[in-house]
Amino acid sequence: MKSIIIITIAFIFLIPSSAFAYPSVTLNLDKEEYTTDELIKIGGEVFEPHKRTRVNLFIYNPDGEQILGEELEVRNNGQYGKSITAGKTTDSVFSIEMI
């Protein structure tokens, strides 16, 4: 029996104290729901990559516990990405946070 995993997305950007604003960032998933052992493709784009060379990716389980925290490098074209395998779990909603 395969379980369904639903991913929700949250963006958190810290506001800098200087006059410079953070660049715009997008976050995309290849699907909205995944089953056990499916590949989850996470990716996006930083629209001013010269201002930001890394993004921080965090994934939380339904209890709010962080299960993944990783710094992803932004390529020269502004894109970043990561693939992970959905684990075995009961029907659950996980959260993704980008900082």
C-alpha atoms as a PDB file:
ATOM      1  CA  MET A   1       0.000   0.000   0.000  1.00  0.00           C
ATOM      2  CA  LYS A   2       1.373   3.404  -0.967  1.00  0.00           C
ATOM      3  CA  SER A   3       0.873   6.459   1.182  1.00  0.00           C
ATOM      4  CA  ILE A   4       0.195   9.900  -0.201  1.00  0.00           C
ATOM      5  CA  ILE A   5       2.539  12.698   0.777  1.00  0.00           C
ATOM      6  CA  ILE A   6       1.373  16.267   0.210  1.00  0.00           C
ATOM      7  CA  ILE A   7       3.900  19.091   0.197  1.00  0.00           C
ATOM      8  CA  THR A   8       3.079  22.677   1.172  1.00  0.00           C
ATOM      9  CA  ILE A   9       5.407  25.558   0.423  1.00  0.00           C
ATOM     10  CA  ALA A  10       6.387  28.520   2.593  1.00  0.00           C
ATOM     11  CA  PHE A  11       8.817  31.283   1.706  1.00  0.00           C
ATOM     12  CA  ILE A  12      10.616  33.226   4.399  1.00  0.00           C
ATOM     13  CA  PHE A  13      12.895  36.057   3.424  1.00  0.00           C
ATOM     14  CA  LEU A  14      14.759  38.078   5.969  1.00  0.00           C
ATOM     15  CA  ILE A  15      14.551  41.797   5.291  1.00  0.00           C
ATOM     16  CA  PRO A  16      18.037  43.287   5.198  1.00  0.00           C
ATOM     17  CA  SER A  17      18.720  46.458   7.137  1.00  0.00           C
ATOM     18  CA  SER A  18      20.533  48.033   4.198  1.00  0.00           C
ATOM     19  CA  ALA A  19      18.981  49.790   1.213  1.00  0.00           C
ATOM     20  CA  PHE A  20      19.482  46.699  -0.939  1.00  0.00           C
ATOM     21  CA  ALA A  21      16.514  44.365  -1.356  1.00  0.00           C
ATOM     22  CA  TYR A  22      16.717  40.596  -1.665  1.00  0.00           C
ATOM     23  CA  PRO A  23      16.209  39.270  -5.182  1.00  0.00           C
ATOM     24  CA  SER A  24      12.985  37.505  -6.126  1.00  0.00           C
ATOM     25  CA  VAL A  25      13.039  33.724  -5.722  1.00  0.00           C
ATOM     26  CA  THR A  26      10.648  31.079  -7.068  1.00  0.00           C
ATOM     27  CA  LEU A  27      10.116  27.531  -5.787  1.00  0.00           C
ATOM     28  CA  ASN A  28       8.584  24.768  -7.888  1.00  0.00           C
ATOM     29  CA  LEU A  29       7.692  21.119  -7.378  1.00  0.00           C
ATOM     30  CA  ASP A  30       7.094  18.723 -10.248  1.00  0.00           C
ATOM     31  CA  LYS A  31       3.849  17.472  -8.621  1.00  0.00           C
ATOM     32  CA  GLU A  32       1.540  18.321  -5.724  1.00  0.00           C
ATOM     33  CA  GLU A  33       1.311  14.813  -4.249  1.00  0.00           C
ATOM     34  CA  TYR A  34       3.793  11.955  -4.009  1.00  0.00           C
ATOM     35  CA  THR A  35       3.640   8.342  -2.967  1.00  0.00           C
ATOM     36  CA  THR A  36       6.259   6.391  -1.033  1.00  0.00           C
ATOM     37  CA  ASP A  37       9.607   6.071  -2.865  1.00  0.00           C
ATOM     38  CA  GLU A  38       8.680   8.606  -5.577  1.00  0.00           C
ATOM     39  CA  LEU A  39      11.274  11.195  -6.576  1.00  0.00           C
ATOM     40  CA  ILE A  40      10.405  14.737  -5.446  1.00  0.00           C
ATOM     41  CA  LYS A  41      11.980  17.328  -7.736  1.00  0.00           C
ATOM     42  CA  ILE A  42      12.396  20.712  -6.080  1.00  0.00           C
ATOM     43  CA  GLY A  43      13.693  23.641  -8.089  1.00  0.00           C
ATOM     44  CA  GLY A  44      13.389  27.313  -8.750  1.00  0.00           C
ATOM     45  CA  GLU A  45      15.050  30.473  -9.872  1.00  0.00           C
ATOM     46  CA  VAL A  46      16.695  33.492  -8.311  1.00  0.00           C
ATOM     47  CA  PHE A  47      16.017  36.482 -10.557  1.00  0.00           C
ATOM     48  CA  GLU A  48      19.140  38.407  -9.566  1.00  0.00           C
ATOM     49  CA  PRO A  49      21.635  35.573  -8.981  1.00  0.00           C
ATOM     50  CA  HIS A  50      24.585  37.958  -8.627  1.00  0.00           C
ATOM     51  CA  LYS A  51      22.989  39.135  -5.345  1.00  0.00           C
ATOM     52  CA  ARG A  52      22.395  35.662  -3.963  1.00  0.00           C
ATOM     53  CA  THR A  53      24.550  32.597  -4.634  1.00  0.00           C
ATOM     54  CA  ARG A  54      22.767  30.181  -2.290  1.00  0.00           C
ATOM     55  CA  VAL A  55      19.275  29.433  -1.020  1.00  0.00           C
ATOM     56  CA  ASN A  56      18.436  27.498   2.128  1.00  0.00           C
ATOM     57  CA  LEU A  57      15.942  24.650   1.839  1.00  0.00           C
ATOM     58  CA  PHE A  58      14.174  23.203   4.867  1.00  0.00           C
ATOM     59  CA  ILE A  59      11.568  20.419   4.958  1.00  0.00           C
ATOM     60  CA  TYR A  60       9.388  19.807   8.015  1.00  0.00           C
ATOM     61  CA  ASN A  61       7.282  16.781   8.911  1.00  0.00           C
ATOM     62  CA  PRO A  62       3.636  17.144  10.027  1.00  0.00           C
ATOM     63  CA  ASP A  63       4.784  17.564  13.658  1.00  0.00           C
ATOM     64  CA  GLY A  64       6.854  20.608  12.686  1.00  0.00           C
ATOM     65  CA  GLU A  65      10.175  18.812  13.105  1.00  0.00           C
ATOM     66  CA  GLN A  66      12.862  19.657  10.571  1.00  0.00           C
ATOM     67  CA  ILE A  67      13.744  16.549   8.547  1.00  0.00           C
ATOM     68  CA  LEU A  68      15.996  18.258   5.984  1.00  0.00           C
ATOM     69  CA  GLY A  69      18.050  21.430   6.060  1.00  0.00           C
ATOM     70  CA  GLU A  70      20.360  22.130   3.181  1.00  0.00           C
ATOM     71  CA  GLU A  71      22.046  25.038   1.458  1.00  0.00           C
ATOM     72  CA  LEU A  72      21.619  24.856  -2.320  1.00  0.00           C
ATOM     73  CA  GLU A  73      23.958  26.631  -4.708  1.00  0.00           C
ATOM     74  CA  VAL A  74      22.421  28.953  -7.293  1.00  0.00           C
ATOM     75  CA  ARG A  75      23.883  28.347 -10.748  1.00  0.00           C
ATOM     76  CA  ASN A  76      25.053  31.226 -12.993  1.00  0.00           C
ATOM     77  CA  ASN A  77      21.730  31.162 -14.860  1.00  0.00           C
ATOM     78  CA  GLY A  78      19.898  31.760 -11.549  1.00  0.00           C
ATOM     79  CA  GLN A  79      18.459  28.256 -11.230  1.00  0.00           C
ATOM     80  CA  TYR A  80      18.789  25.820  -8.341  1.00  0.00           C
ATOM     81  CA  GLY A  81      17.409  22.344  -7.707  1.00  0.00           C
ATOM     82  CA  LYS A  82      17.404  19.189  -5.642  1.00  0.00           C
ATOM     83  CA  SER A  83      15.745  15.782  -5.864  1.00  0.00           C
ATOM     84  CA  ILE A  84      14.825  13.679  -2.844  1.00  0.00           C
ATOM     85  CA  THR A  85      12.959  10.416  -2.426  1.00  0.00           C
ATOM     86  CA  ALA A  86       9.650  10.437  -0.581  1.00  0.00           C
ATOM     87  CA  GLY A  87       9.937   8.324   2.533  1.00  0.00           C
ATOM     88  CA  LYS A  88       7.545   5.768   3.946  1.00  0.00           C
ATOM     89  CA  THR A  89       4.871   7.521   5.934  1.00  0.00           C
ATOM     90  CA  THR A  90       1.153   7.555   6.438  1.00  0.00           C
ATOM     91  CA  ASP A  91      -0.887  10.139   4.546  1.00  0.00           C
ATOM     92  CA  SER A  92       0.775  13.357   5.650  1.00  0.00           C
ATOM     93  CA  VAL A  93       1.399  16.977   4.761  1.00  0.00           C
ATOM     94  CA  PHE A  94       5.008  18.190   4.792  1.00  0.00           C
ATOM     95  CA  SER A  95       6.182  21.800   4.555  1.00  0.00           C
ATOM     96  CA  ILE A  96       9.019  23.256   2.494  1.00  0.00           C
ATOM     97  CA  GLU A  97      10.608  26.526   3.564  1.00  0.00           C
ATOM     98  CA  MET A  98      13.057  28.615   1.552  1.00  0.00           C
ATOM     99  CA  ILE A  99      15.234  31.233   3.234  1.00  0.00           C
END
